[in-house]
Amino acid sequence: RDNAKNLVYLQMNSLKPEDTAVYYCKTERFGISYWGQGTQV
């Protein structure tokens, strides 16, 4: 994460076919979950 830029990263190496999925970012505030729209890998 880069707190100065409000960014979180996921570096994925040695990818396998079984890693194929929609990847979502999530956080939780005051008991409420917030999700992104997802990105296809």
PDB file of all heavy atoms in Angstrom:
ATOM      1  N   ARG A   1       0.833  -1.197   0.000  1.00  0.00           N
ATOM      2  CA  ARG A   1       0.000   0.000   0.000  1.00  0.00           C
ATOM      3  C   ARG A   1       0.863   1.241   0.000  1.00  0.00           C
ATOM      4  O   ARG A   1       1.983   1.232   0.529  1.00  0.00           O
ATOM      5  CB  ARG A   1      -0.938  -0.003   1.211  1.00  0.00           C
ATOM      6  CG  ARG A   1      -0.265   0.045   2.568  1.00  0.00           C
ATOM      7  CD  ARG A   1      -1.268  -0.225   3.678  1.00  0.00           C
ATOM      8  NE  ARG A   1      -2.317   0.789   3.705  1.00  0.00           N
ATOM      9  CZ  ARG A   1      -3.511   0.598   4.280  1.00  0.00           C
ATOM     10  NH1 ARG A   1      -3.792  -0.564   4.877  1.00  0.00           N
ATOM     11  NH2 ARG A   1      -4.409   1.575   4.264  1.00  0.00           N
ATOM     12  N   ASP A   2       0.325   2.302  -0.593  1.00  0.00           N
ATOM     13  CA  ASP A   2       0.956   3.614  -0.614  1.00  0.00           C
ATOM     14  C   ASP A   2      -0.037   4.583   0.006  1.00  0.00           C
ATOM     15  O   ASP A   2      -0.972   5.041  -0.650  1.00  0.00           O
ATOM     16  CB  ASP A   2       1.305   4.003  -2.058  1.00  0.00           C
ATOM     17  CG  ASP A   2       2.062   5.313  -2.135  1.00  0.00           C
ATOM     18  OD1 ASP A   2       1.955   6.133  -1.198  1.00  0.00           O
ATOM     19  OD2 ASP A   2       2.753   5.523  -3.139  1.00  0.00           O
ATOM     20  N   ASN A   3       0.158   4.870   1.273  1.00  0.00           N
ATOM     21  CA  ASN A   3      -0.810   5.704   1.984  1.00  0.00           C
ATOM     22  C   ASN A   3      -0.817   7.149   1.476  1.00  0.00           C
ATOM     23  O   ASN A   3      -1.825   7.844   1.581  1.00  0.00           O
ATOM     24  CB  ASN A   3      -0.527   5.683   3.487  1.00  0.00           C
ATOM     25  CG  ASN A   3      -0.880   4.340   4.119  1.00  0.00           C
ATOM     26  OD1 ASN A   3      -1.693   3.582   3.585  1.00  0.00           O
ATOM     27  ND2 ASN A   3      -0.252   4.042   5.241  1.00  0.00           N
ATOM     28  N   ALA A   4       0.286   7.596   0.925  1.00  0.00           N
ATOM     29  CA  ALA A   4       0.349   8.964   0.392  1.00  0.00           C
ATOM     30  C   ALA A   4      -0.518   9.117  -0.852  1.00  0.00           C
ATOM     31  O   ALA A   4      -1.015  10.206  -1.138  1.00  0.00           O
ATOM     32  CB  ALA A   4       1.786   9.340   0.082  1.00  0.00           C
ATOM     33  N   LYS A   5      -0.693   8.009  -1.578  1.00  0.00           N
ATOM     34  CA  LYS A   5      -1.460   8.057  -2.828  1.00  0.00           C
ATOM     35  C   LYS A   5      -2.820   7.370  -2.720  1.00  0.00           C
ATOM     36  O   LYS A   5      -3.562   7.307  -3.705  1.00  0.00           O
ATOM     37  CB  LYS A   5      -0.659   7.403  -3.957  1.00  0.00           C
ATOM     38  CG  LYS A   5       0.637   8.119  -4.291  1.00  0.00           C
ATOM     39  CD  LYS A   5       1.360   7.428  -5.438  1.00  0.00           C
ATOM     40  CE  LYS A   5       2.639   8.167  -5.788  1.00  0.00           C
ATOM     41  NZ  LYS A   5       3.381   7.499  -6.907  1.00  0.00           N
ATOM     42  N   ASN A   6      -3.141   6.850  -1.539  1.00  0.00           N
ATOM     43  CA  ASN A   6      -4.407   6.113  -1.347  1.00  0.00           C
ATOM     44  C   ASN A   6      -4.534   4.942  -2.320  1.00  0.00           C
ATOM     45  O   ASN A   6      -5.598   4.725  -2.916  1.00  0.00           O
ATOM     46  CB  ASN A   6      -5.613   7.037  -1.493  1.00  0.00           C
ATOM     47  CG  ASN A   6      -5.809   7.940  -0.292  1.00  0.00           C
ATOM     48  OD1 ASN A   6      -4.925   8.050   0.553  1.00  0.00           O
ATOM     49  ND2 ASN A   6      -6.958   8.581  -0.219  1.00  0.00           N
ATOM     50  N   LEU A   7      -3.449   4.206  -2.461  1.00  0.00           N
ATOM     51  CA  LEU A   7      -3.423   3.080  -3.384  1.00  0.00           C
ATOM     52  C   LEU A   7      -3.015   1.806  -2.656  1.00  0.00           C
ATOM     53  O   LEU A   7      -2.150   1.824  -1.779  1.00  0.00           O
ATOM     54  CB  LEU A   7      -2.444   3.333  -4.522  1.00  0.00           C
ATOM     55  CG  LEU A   7      -2.826   4.379  -5.563  1.00  0.00           C
ATOM     56  CD1 LEU A   7      -1.638   4.708  -6.453  1.00  0.00           C
ATOM     57  CD2 LEU A   7      -3.986   3.878  -6.419  1.00  0.00           C
ATOM     58  N   VAL A   8      -3.615   0.704  -3.083  1.00  0.00           N
ATOM     59  CA  VAL A   8      -3.172  -0.612  -2.650  1.00  0.00           C
ATOM     60  C   VAL A   8      -2.898  -1.420  -3.915  1.00  0.00           C
ATOM     61  O   VAL A   8      -3.612  -1.296  -4.914  1.00  0.00           O
ATOM     62  CB  VAL A   8      -4.198  -1.298  -1.738  1.00  0.00           C
ATOM     63  CG1 VAL A   8      -5.542  -1.489  -2.416  1.00  0.00           C
ATOM     64  CG2 VAL A   8      -3.667  -2.625  -1.208  1.00  0.00           C
ATOM     65  N   TYR A   9      -1.846  -2.224  -3.864  1.00  0.00           N
ATOM     66  CA  TYR A   9      -1.396  -2.973  -5.025  1.00  0.00           C
ATOM     67  C   TYR A   9      -1.422  -4.475  -4.745  1.00  0.00           C
ATOM     68  O   TYR A   9      -1.320  -4.915  -3.606  1.00  0.00           O
ATOM     69  CB  TYR A   9       0.046  -2.582  -5.386  1.00  0.00           C
ATOM     70  CG  TYR A   9       0.257  -1.123  -5.657  1.00  0.00           C
ATOM     71  CD1 TYR A   9       0.838  -0.296  -4.699  1.00  0.00           C
ATOM     72  CD2 TYR A   9      -0.106  -0.557  -6.875  1.00  0.00           C
ATOM     73  CE1 TYR A   9       1.057   1.050  -4.946  1.00  0.00           C
ATOM     74  CE2 TYR A   9       0.114   0.791  -7.128  1.00  0.00           C
ATOM     75  CZ  TYR A   9       0.692   1.580  -6.157  1.00  0.00           C
ATOM     76  OH  TYR A   9       0.908   2.916  -6.413  1.00  0.00           O
ATOM     77  N   LEU A  10      -1.513  -5.212  -5.828  1.00  0.00           N
ATOM     78  CA  LEU A  10      -1.316  -6.653  -5.747  1.00  0.00           C
ATOM     79  C   LEU A  10      -0.392  -7.031  -6.891  1.00  0.00           C
ATOM     80  O   LEU A  10      -0.806  -7.026  -8.056  1.00  0.00           O
ATOM     81  CB  LEU A  10      -2.631  -7.413  -5.851  1.00  0.00           C
ATOM     82  CG  LEU A  10      -2.520  -8.930  -5.621  1.00  0.00           C
ATOM     83  CD1 LEU A  10      -2.100  -9.240  -4.187  1.00  0.00           C
ATOM     84  CD2 LEU A  10      -3.837  -9.636  -5.961  1.00  0.00           C
ATOM     85  N   GLN A  11       0.856  -7.312  -6.557  1.00  0.00           N
ATOM     86  CA  GLN A  11       1.821  -7.780  -7.537  1.00  0.00           C
ATOM     87  C   GLN A  11       1.682  -9.292  -7.647  1.00  0.00           C
ATOM     88  O   GLN A  11       1.837 -10.005  -6.656  1.00  0.00           O
ATOM     89  CB  GLN A  11       3.245  -7.411  -7.115  1.00  0.00           C
ATOM     90  CG  GLN A  11       4.320  -7.921  -8.054  1.00  0.00           C
ATOM     91  CD  GLN A  11       4.272  -7.265  -9.423  1.00  0.00           C
ATOM     92  OE1 GLN A  11       4.095  -6.053  -9.525  1.00  0.00           O
ATOM     93  NE2 GLN A  11       4.411  -8.057 -10.475  1.00  0.00           N
ATOM     94  N   MET A  12       1.394  -9.759  -8.856  1.00  0.00           N
ATOM     95  CA  MET A  12       1.159 -11.183  -9.076  1.00  0.00           C
ATOM     96  C   MET A  12       2.213 -11.719 -10.038  1.00  0.00           C
ATOM     97  O   MET A  12       2.285 -11.282 -11.190  1.00  0.00           O
ATOM     98  CB  MET A  12      -0.249 -11.398  -9.650  1.00  0.00           C
ATOM     99  CG  MET A  12      -1.347 -10.769  -8.813  1.00  0.00           C
ATOM    100  SD  MET A  12      -3.003 -11.154  -9.395  1.00  0.00           S
ATOM    101  CE  MET A  12      -2.982 -10.344 -10.984  1.00  0.00           C
ATOM    102  N   ASN A  13       3.021 -12.637  -9.551  1.00  0.00           N
ATOM    103  CA  ASN A  13       4.070 -13.264 -10.353  1.00  0.00           C
ATOM    104  C   ASN A  13       3.787 -14.748 -10.525  1.00  0.00           C
ATOM    105  O   ASN A  13       2.980 -15.330  -9.786  1.00  0.00           O
ATOM    106  CB  ASN A  13       5.430 -13.064  -9.674  1.00  0.00           C
ATOM    107  CG  ASN A  13       5.808 -11.614  -9.524  1.00  0.00           C
ATOM    108  OD1 ASN A  13       5.465 -10.780 -10.361  1.00  0.00           O
ATOM    109  ND2 ASN A  13       6.513 -11.299  -8.459  1.00  0.00           N
ATOM    110  N   SER A  14       4.461 -15.347 -11.465  1.00  0.00           N
ATOM    111  CA  SER A  14       4.321 -16.788 -11.724  1.00  0.00           C
ATOM    112  C   SER A  14       2.854 -17.184 -11.822  1.00  0.00           C
ATOM    113  O   SER A  14       2.410 -18.163 -11.196  1.00  0.00           O
ATOM    114  CB  SER A  14       5.017 -17.595 -10.614  1.00  0.00           C
ATOM    115  OG  SER A  14       6.381 -17.244 -10.533  1.00  0.00           O
ATOM    116  N   LEU A  15       2.119 -16.440 -12.593  1.00  0.00           N
ATOM    117  CA  LEU A  15       0.676 -16.666 -12.681  1.00  0.00           C
ATOM    118  C   LEU A  15       0.356 -18.022 -13.298  1.00  0.00           C
ATOM    119  O   LEU A  15       1.061 -18.502 -14.197  1.00  0.00           O
ATOM    120  CB  LEU A  15       0.025 -15.549 -13.473  1.00  0.00           C
ATOM    121  CG  LEU A  15      -0.162 -14.251 -12.673  1.00  0.00           C
ATOM    122  CD1 LEU A  15      -0.362 -13.062 -13.602  1.00  0.00           C
ATOM    123  CD2 LEU A  15      -1.335 -14.382 -11.720  1.00  0.00           C
ATOM    124  N   LYS A  16      -0.725 -18.594 -12.795  1.00  0.00           N
ATOM    125  CA  LYS A  16      -1.189 -19.908 -13.234  1.00  0.00           C
ATOM    126  C   LYS A  16      -2.611 -19.784 -13.791  1.00  0.00           C
ATOM    127  O   LYS A  16      -3.347 -18.860 -13.404  1.00  0.00           O
ATOM    128  CB  LYS A  16      -1.204 -20.879 -12.053  1.00  0.00           C
ATOM    129  CG  LYS A  16       0.122 -21.017 -11.328  1.00  0.00           C
ATOM    130  CD  LYS A  16      -0.018 -21.915 -10.109  1.00  0.00           C
ATOM    131  CE  LYS A  16       1.299 -22.050  -9.366  1.00  0.00           C
ATOM    132  NZ  LYS A  16       1.168 -22.923  -8.165  1.00  0.00           N
ATOM    133  N   PRO A  17      -3.015 -20.710 -14.641  1.00  0.00           N
ATOM    134  CA  PRO A  17      -4.395 -20.659 -15.151  1.00  0.00           C
ATOM    135  C   PRO A  17      -5.434 -20.617 -14.036  1.00  0.00           C
ATOM    136  O   PRO A  17      -6.475 -19.952 -14.192  1.00  0.00           O
ATOM    137  CB  PRO A  17      -4.497 -21.944 -15.978  1.00  0.00           C
ATOM    138  CG  PRO A  17      -3.098 -22.194 -16.451  1.00  0.00           C
ATOM    139  CD  PRO A  17      -2.224 -21.760 -15.310  1.00  0.00           C
ATOM    140  N   GLU A  18      -5.158 -21.261 -12.929  1.00  0.00           N
ATOM    141  CA  GLU A  18      -6.115 -21.257 -11.816  1.00  0.00           C
ATOM    142  C   GLU A  18      -6.215 -19.916 -11.092  1.00  0.00           C
ATOM    143  O   GLU A  18      -7.060 -19.741 -10.213  1.00  0.00           O
ATOM    144  CB  GLU A  18      -5.809 -22.373 -10.817  1.00  0.00           C
ATOM    145  CG  GLU A  18      -4.380 -22.413 -10.325  1.00  0.00           C
ATOM    146  CD  GLU A  18      -3.533 -23.405 -11.105  1.00  0.00           C
ATOM    147  OE1 GLU A  18      -3.634 -23.454 -12.352  1.00  0.00           O
ATOM    148  OE2 GLU A  18      -2.737 -24.123 -10.452  1.00  0.00           O
ATOM    149  N   ASP A  19      -5.362 -18.973 -11.454  1.00  0.00           N
ATOM    150  CA  ASP A  19      -5.475 -17.618 -10.916  1.00  0.00           C
ATOM    151  C   ASP A  19      -6.498 -16.788 -11.697  1.00  0.00           C
ATOM    152  O   ASP A  19      -6.803 -15.649 -11.296  1.00  0.00           O
ATOM    153  CB  ASP A  19      -4.126 -16.903 -10.962  1.00  0.00           C
ATOM    154  CG  ASP A  19      -3.092 -17.535 -10.045  1.00  0.00           C
ATOM    155  OD1 ASP A  19      -3.450 -17.898  -8.908  1.00  0.00           O
ATOM    156  OD2 ASP A  19      -1.928 -17.667 -10.482  1.00  0.00           O
ATOM    157  N   THR A  20      -7.003 -17.338 -12.775  1.00  0.00           N
ATOM    158  CA  THR A  20      -8.002 -16.629 -13.571  1.00  0.00           C
ATOM    159  C   THR A  20      -9.249 -16.342 -12.737  1.00  0.00           C
ATOM    160  O   THR A  20      -9.840 -17.255 -12.148  1.00  0.00           O
ATOM    161  CB  THR A  20      -8.385 -17.456 -14.808  1.00  0.00           C
ATOM    162  OG1 THR A  20      -7.236 -17.568 -15.665  1.00  0.00           O
ATOM    163  CG2 THR A  20      -9.532 -16.801 -15.578  1.00  0.00           C
ATOM    164  N   ALA A  21      -9.624 -15.076 -12.674  1.00  0.00           N
ATOM    165  CA  ALA A  21     -10.759 -14.656 -11.854  1.00  0.00           C
ATOM    166  C   ALA A  21     -10.968 -13.155 -12.024  1.00  0.00           C
ATOM    167  O   ALA A  21     -10.132 -12.467 -12.609  1.00  0.00           O
ATOM    168  CB  ALA A  21     -10.499 -14.967 -10.377  1.00  0.00           C
ATOM    169  N   VAL A  22     -12.065 -12.686 -11.491  1.00  0.00           N
ATOM    170  CA  VAL A  22     -12.250 -11.253 -11.302  1.00  0.00           C
ATOM    171  C   VAL A  22     -11.693 -10.914  -9.919  1.00  0.00           C
ATOM    172  O   VAL A  22     -12.048 -11.565  -8.933  1.00  0.00           O
ATOM    173  CB  VAL A  22     -13.729 -10.840 -11.406  1.00  0.00           C
ATOM    174  CG1 VAL A  22     -13.882  -9.347 -11.165  1.00  0.00           C
ATOM    175  CG2 VAL A  22     -14.292 -11.222 -12.768  1.00  0.00           C
ATOM    176  N   TYR A  23     -10.830  -9.921  -9.888  1.00  0.00           N
ATOM    177  CA  TYR A  23     -10.178  -9.519  -8.650  1.00  0.00           C
ATOM    178  C   TYR A  23     -10.824  -8.241  -8.128  1.00  0.00           C
ATOM    179  O   TYR A  23     -11.005  -7.273  -8.872  1.00  0.00           O
ATOM    180  CB  TYR A  23      -8.682  -9.324  -8.872  1.00  0.00           C
ATOM    181  CG  TYR A  23      -7.938 -10.628  -8.977  1.00  0.00           C
ATOM    182  CD1 TYR A  23      -8.088 -11.450 -10.092  1.00  0.00           C
ATOM    183  CD2 TYR A  23      -7.109 -11.067  -7.952  1.00  0.00           C
ATOM    184  CE1 TYR A  23      -7.431 -12.668 -10.183  1.00  0.00           C
ATOM    185  CE2 TYR A  23      -6.433 -12.285  -8.030  1.00  0.00           C
ATOM    186  CZ  TYR A  23      -6.605 -13.075  -9.149  1.00  0.00           C
ATOM    187  OH  TYR A  23      -5.941 -14.285  -9.240  1.00  0.00           O
ATOM    188  N   TYR A  24     -11.148  -8.262  -6.835  1.00  0.00           N
ATOM    189  CA  TYR A  24     -11.828  -7.147  -6.200  1.00  0.00           C
ATOM    190  C   TYR A  24     -11.013  -6.596  -5.035  1.00  0.00           C
ATOM    191  O   TYR A  24     -10.378  -7.352  -4.293  1.00  0.00           O
ATOM    192  CB  TYR A  24     -13.187  -7.600  -5.632  1.00  0.00           C
ATOM    193  CG  TYR A  24     -14.167  -8.114  -6.646  1.00  0.00           C
ATOM    194  CD1 TYR A  24     -14.206  -9.470  -6.974  1.00  0.00           C
ATOM    195  CD2 TYR A  24     -15.066  -7.255  -7.275  1.00  0.00           C
ATOM    196  CE1 TYR A  24     -15.115  -9.958  -7.893  1.00  0.00           C
ATOM    197  CE2 TYR A  24     -15.987  -7.741  -8.195  1.00  0.00           C
ATOM    198  CZ  TYR A  24     -15.997  -9.084  -8.500  1.00  0.00           C
ATOM    199  OH  TYR A  24     -16.903  -9.560  -9.421  1.00  0.00           O
ATOM    200  N   CYS A  25     -11.104  -5.316  -4.872  1.00  0.00           N
ATOM    201  CA  CYS A  25     -10.524  -4.619  -3.740  1.00  0.00           C
ATOM    202  C   CYS A  25     -11.639  -4.393  -2.719  1.00  0.00           C
ATOM    203  O   CYS A  25     -12.784  -4.126  -3.102  1.00  0.00           O
ATOM    204  CB  CYS A  25      -9.964  -3.283  -4.235  1.00  0.00           C
ATOM    205  SG  CYS A  25      -9.235  -2.243  -3.006  1.00  0.00           S
ATOM    206  N   LYS A  26     -11.285  -4.501  -1.440  1.00  0.00           N
ATOM    207  CA  LYS A  26     -12.295  -4.336  -0.396  1.00  0.00           C
ATOM    208  C   LYS A  26     -11.709  -3.638   0.817  1.00  0.00           C
ATOM    209  O   LYS A  26     -10.549  -3.837   1.160  1.00  0.00           O
ATOM    210  CB  LYS A  26     -12.832  -5.707   0.045  1.00  0.00           C
ATOM    211  CG  LYS A  26     -13.846  -5.639   1.174  1.00  0.00           C
ATOM    212  CD  LYS A  26     -13.927  -6.963   1.919  1.00  0.00           C
ATOM    213  CE  LYS A  26     -14.736  -6.837   3.193  1.00  0.00           C
ATOM    214  NZ  LYS A  26     -14.717  -8.063   3.990  1.00  0.00           N
ATOM    215  N   THR A  27     -12.551  -2.823   1.443  1.00  0.00           N
ATOM    216  CA  THR A  27     -12.225  -2.300   2.753  1.00  0.00           C
ATOM    217  C   THR A  27     -13.484  -2.301   3.608  1.00  0.00           C
ATOM    218  O   THR A  27     -14.587  -2.533   3.095  1.00  0.00           O
ATOM    219  CB  THR A  27     -11.611  -0.895   2.675  1.00  0.00           C
ATOM    220  OG1 THR A  27     -11.057  -0.542   3.948  1.00  0.00           O
ATOM    221  CG2 THR A  27     -12.652   0.149   2.274  1.00  0.00           C
ATOM    222  N   GLU A  28     -13.319  -2.056   4.876  1.00  0.00           N
ATOM    223  CA  GLU A  28     -14.453  -2.067   5.780  1.00  0.00           C
ATOM    224  C   GLU A  28     -14.353  -0.881   6.719  1.00  0.00           C
ATOM    225  O   GLU A  28     -13.284  -0.628   7.297  1.00  0.00           O
ATOM    226  CB  GLU A  28     -14.496  -3.377   6.581  1.00  0.00           C
ATOM    227  CG  GLU A  28     -15.733  -3.532   7.442  1.00  0.00           C
ATOM    228  CD  GLU A  28     -15.804  -4.902   8.078  1.00  0.00           C
ATOM    229  OE1 GLU A  28     -15.674  -5.907   7.360  1.00  0.00           O
ATOM    230  OE2 GLU A  28     -15.988  -4.970   9.314  1.00  0.00           O
ATOM    231  N   ARG A  29     -15.453  -0.172   6.862  1.00  0.00           N
ATOM    232  CA  ARG A  29     -15.472   0.985   7.741  1.00  0.00           C
ATOM    233  C   ARG A  29     -16.758   0.977   8.540  1.00  0.00           C
ATOM    234  O   ARG A  29     -17.838   0.883   7.963  1.00  0.00           O
ATOM    235  CB  ARG A  29     -15.377   2.272   6.921  1.00  0.00           C
ATOM    236  CG  ARG A  29     -15.219   3.529   7.768  1.00  0.00           C
ATOM    237  CD  ARG A  29     -15.119   4.769   6.912  1.00  0.00           C
ATOM    238  NE  ARG A  29     -16.392   5.137   6.309  1.00  0.00           N
ATOM    239  CZ  ARG A  29     -16.673   6.357   5.853  1.00  0.00           C
ATOM    240  NH1 ARG A  29     -15.755   7.286   5.914  1.00  0.00           N
ATOM    241  NH2 ARG A  29     -17.844   6.614   5.312  1.00  0.00           N
ATOM    242  N   PHE A  30     -16.627   1.060   9.848  1.00  0.00           N
ATOM    243  CA  PHE A  30     -17.780   1.064  10.746  1.00  0.00           C
ATOM    244  C   PHE A  30     -18.695  -0.133  10.475  1.00  0.00           C
ATOM    245  O   PHE A  30     -19.923  -0.011  10.494  1.00  0.00           O
ATOM    246  CB  PHE A  30     -18.575   2.372  10.609  1.00  0.00           C
ATOM    247  CG  PHE A  30     -17.773   3.600  10.832  1.00  0.00           C
ATOM    248  CD1 PHE A  30     -17.887   4.688   9.983  1.00  0.00           C
ATOM    249  CD2 PHE A  30     -16.879   3.691  11.898  1.00  0.00           C
ATOM    250  CE1 PHE A  30     -17.146   5.839  10.184  1.00  0.00           C
ATOM    251  CE2 PHE A  30     -16.121   4.830  12.104  1.00  0.00           C
ATOM    252  CZ  PHE A  30     -16.259   5.918  11.241  1.00  0.00           C
ATOM    253  N   GLY A  31     -18.076  -1.271  10.202  1.00  0.00           N
ATOM    254  CA  GLY A  31     -18.840  -2.493  10.001  1.00  0.00           C
ATOM    255  C   GLY A  31     -19.471  -2.641   8.631  1.00  0.00           C
ATOM    256  O   GLY A  31     -20.161  -3.629   8.357  1.00  0.00           O
ATOM    257  N   ILE A  32     -19.227  -1.693   7.751  1.00  0.00           N
ATOM    258  CA  ILE A  32     -19.782  -1.753   6.402  1.00  0.00           C
ATOM    259  C   ILE A  32     -18.659  -2.077   5.427  1.00  0.00           C
ATOM    260  O   ILE A  32     -17.606  -1.430   5.446  1.00  0.00           O
ATOM    261  CB  ILE A  32     -20.454  -0.422   6.018  1.00  0.00           C
ATOM    262  CG1 ILE A  32     -21.605  -0.124   6.969  1.00  0.00           C
ATOM    263  CG2 ILE A  32     -20.950  -0.470   4.571  1.00  0.00           C
ATOM    264  CD1 ILE A  32     -22.223   1.242   6.766  1.00  0.00           C
ATOM    265  N   SER A  33     -18.904  -3.068   4.570  1.00  0.00           N
ATOM    266  CA  SER A  33     -17.909  -3.444   3.575  1.00  0.00           C
ATOM    267  C   SER A  33     -18.113  -2.647   2.293  1.00  0.00           C
ATOM    268  O   SER A  33     -19.246  -2.442   1.855  1.00  0.00           O
ATOM    269  CB  SER A  33     -18.016  -4.933   3.256  1.00  0.00           C
ATOM    270  OG  SER A  33     -17.672  -5.717   4.383  1.00  0.00           O
ATOM    271  N   TYR A  34     -17.002  -2.243   1.726  1.00  0.00           N
ATOM    272  CA  TYR A  34     -17.014  -1.510   0.462  1.00  0.00           C
ATOM    273  C   TYR A  34     -16.167  -2.279  -0.544  1.00  0.00           C
ATOM    274  O   TYR A  34     -15.045  -2.701  -0.224  1.00  0.00           O
ATOM    275  CB  TYR A  34     -16.459  -0.091   0.637  1.00  0.00           C
ATOM    276  CG  TYR A  34     -17.304   0.757   1.549  1.00  0.00           C
ATOM    277  CD1 TYR A  34     -17.036   0.810   2.913  1.00  0.00           C
ATOM    278  CD2 TYR A  34     -18.367   1.505   1.049  1.00  0.00           C
ATOM    279  CE1 TYR A  34     -17.808   1.583   3.762  1.00  0.00           C
ATOM    280  CE2 TYR A  34     -19.146   2.286   1.892  1.00  0.00           C
ATOM    281  CZ  TYR A  34     -18.865   2.311   3.238  1.00  0.00           C
ATOM    282  OH  TYR A  34     -19.645   3.070   4.072  1.00  0.00           O
ATOM    283  N   TRP A  35     -16.701  -2.440  -1.754  1.00  0.00           N
ATOM    284  CA  TRP A  35     -16.054  -3.206  -2.808  1.00  0.00           C
ATOM    285  C   TRP A  35     -15.868  -2.359  -4.047  1.00  0.00           C
ATOM    286  O   TRP A  35     -16.688  -1.487  -4.354  1.00  0.00           O
ATOM    287  CB  TRP A  35     -16.923  -4.405  -3.179  1.00  0.00           C
ATOM    288  CG  TRP A  35     -17.129  -5.398  -2.085  1.00  0.00           C
ATOM    289  CD1 TRP A  35     -18.090  -5.363  -1.117  1.00  0.00           C
ATOM    290  CD2 TRP A  35     -16.377  -6.591  -1.851  1.00  0.00           C
ATOM    291  NE1 TRP A  35     -17.975  -6.460  -0.298  1.00  0.00           N
ATOM    292  CE2 TRP A  35     -16.924  -7.238  -0.738  1.00  0.00           C
ATOM    293  CE3 TRP A  35     -15.289  -7.193  -2.493  1.00  0.00           C
ATOM    294  CZ2 TRP A  35     -16.428  -8.437  -0.229  1.00  0.00           C
ATOM    295  CZ3 TRP A  35     -14.793  -8.388  -1.997  1.00  0.00           C
ATOM    296  CH2 TRP A  35     -15.360  -9.004  -0.876  1.00  0.00           C
ATOM    297  N   GLY A  36     -14.817  -2.671  -4.783  1.00  0.00           N
ATOM    298  CA  GLY A  36     -14.664  -2.098  -6.099  1.00  0.00           C
ATOM    299  C   GLY A  36     -15.473  -2.879  -7.111  1.00  0.00           C
ATOM    300  O   GLY A  36     -16.137  -3.865  -6.777  1.00  0.00           O
ATOM    301  N   GLN A  37     -15.379  -2.452  -8.357  1.00  0.00           N
ATOM    302  CA  GLN A  37     -16.165  -3.091  -9.414  1.00  0.00           C
ATOM    303  C   GLN A  37     -15.489  -4.346  -9.954  1.00  0.00           C
ATOM    304  O   GLN A  37     -16.122  -5.135 -10.648  1.00  0.00           O
ATOM    305  CB  GLN A  37     -16.413  -2.096 -10.554  1.00  0.00           C
ATOM    306  CG  GLN A  37     -15.273  -1.963 -11.558  1.00  0.00           C
ATOM    307  CD  GLN A  37     -14.049  -1.240 -11.014  1.00  0.00           C
ATOM    308  OE1 GLN A  37     -14.072  -0.654  -9.928  1.00  0.00           O
ATOM    309  NE2 GLN A  37     -12.962  -1.270 -11.773  1.00  0.00           N
ATOM    310  N   GLY A  38     -14.231  -4.528  -9.628  1.00  0.00           N
ATOM    311  CA  GLY A  38     -13.487  -5.704 -10.052  1.00  0.00           C
ATOM    312  C   GLY A  38     -12.717  -5.485 -11.340  1.00  0.00           C
ATOM    313  O   GLY A  38     -13.070  -4.636 -12.164  1.00  0.00           O
ATOM    314  N   THR A  39     -11.653  -6.273 -11.491  1.00  0.00           N
ATOM    315  CA  THR A  39     -10.865  -6.252 -12.718  1.00  0.00           C
ATOM    316  C   THR A  39     -10.561  -7.703 -13.104  1.00  0.00           C
ATOM    317  O   THR A  39     -10.187  -8.512 -12.261  1.00  0.00           O
ATOM    318  CB  THR A  39      -9.577  -5.420 -12.551  1.00  0.00           C
ATOM    319  OG1 THR A  39      -8.897  -5.322 -13.805  1.00  0.00           O
ATOM    320  CG2 THR A  39      -8.633  -6.005 -11.523  1.00  0.00           C
ATOM    321  N   GLN A  40     -10.749  -8.012 -14.377  1.00  0.00           N
ATOM    322  CA  GLN A  40     -10.605  -9.389 -14.852  1.00  0.00           C
ATOM    323  C   GLN A  40      -9.139  -9.730 -15.076  1.00  0.00           C
ATOM    324  O   GLN A  40      -8.406  -8.984 -15.747  1.00  0.00           O
ATOM    325  CB  GLN A  40     -11.373  -9.575 -16.157  1.00  0.00           C
ATOM    326  CG  GLN A  40     -11.212 -10.954 -16.799  1.00  0.00           C
ATOM    327  CD  GLN A  40     -11.912 -12.048 -16.028  1.00  0.00           C
ATOM    328  OE1 GLN A  40     -13.064 -11.903 -15.641  1.00  0.00           O
ATOM    329  NE2 GLN A  40     -11.212 -13.167 -15.808  1.00  0.00           N
ATOM    330  N   VAL A  41      -8.729 -10.860 -14.533  1.00  0.00           N
ATOM    331  CA  VAL A  41      -7.401 -11.420 -14.795  1.00  0.00           C
ATOM    332  C   VAL A  41      -7.607 -12.779 -15.458  1.00  0.00           C
ATOM    333  O   VAL A  41      -8.289 -13.642 -14.901  1.00  0.00           O
ATOM    334  CB  VAL A  41      -6.593 -11.569 -13.498  1.00  0.00           C
ATOM    335  CG1 VAL A  41      -5.301 -12.347 -13.752  1.00  0.00           C
ATOM    336  CG2 VAL A  41      -6.279 -10.206 -12.906  1.00  0.00           C
TER     337      VAL A  41
END
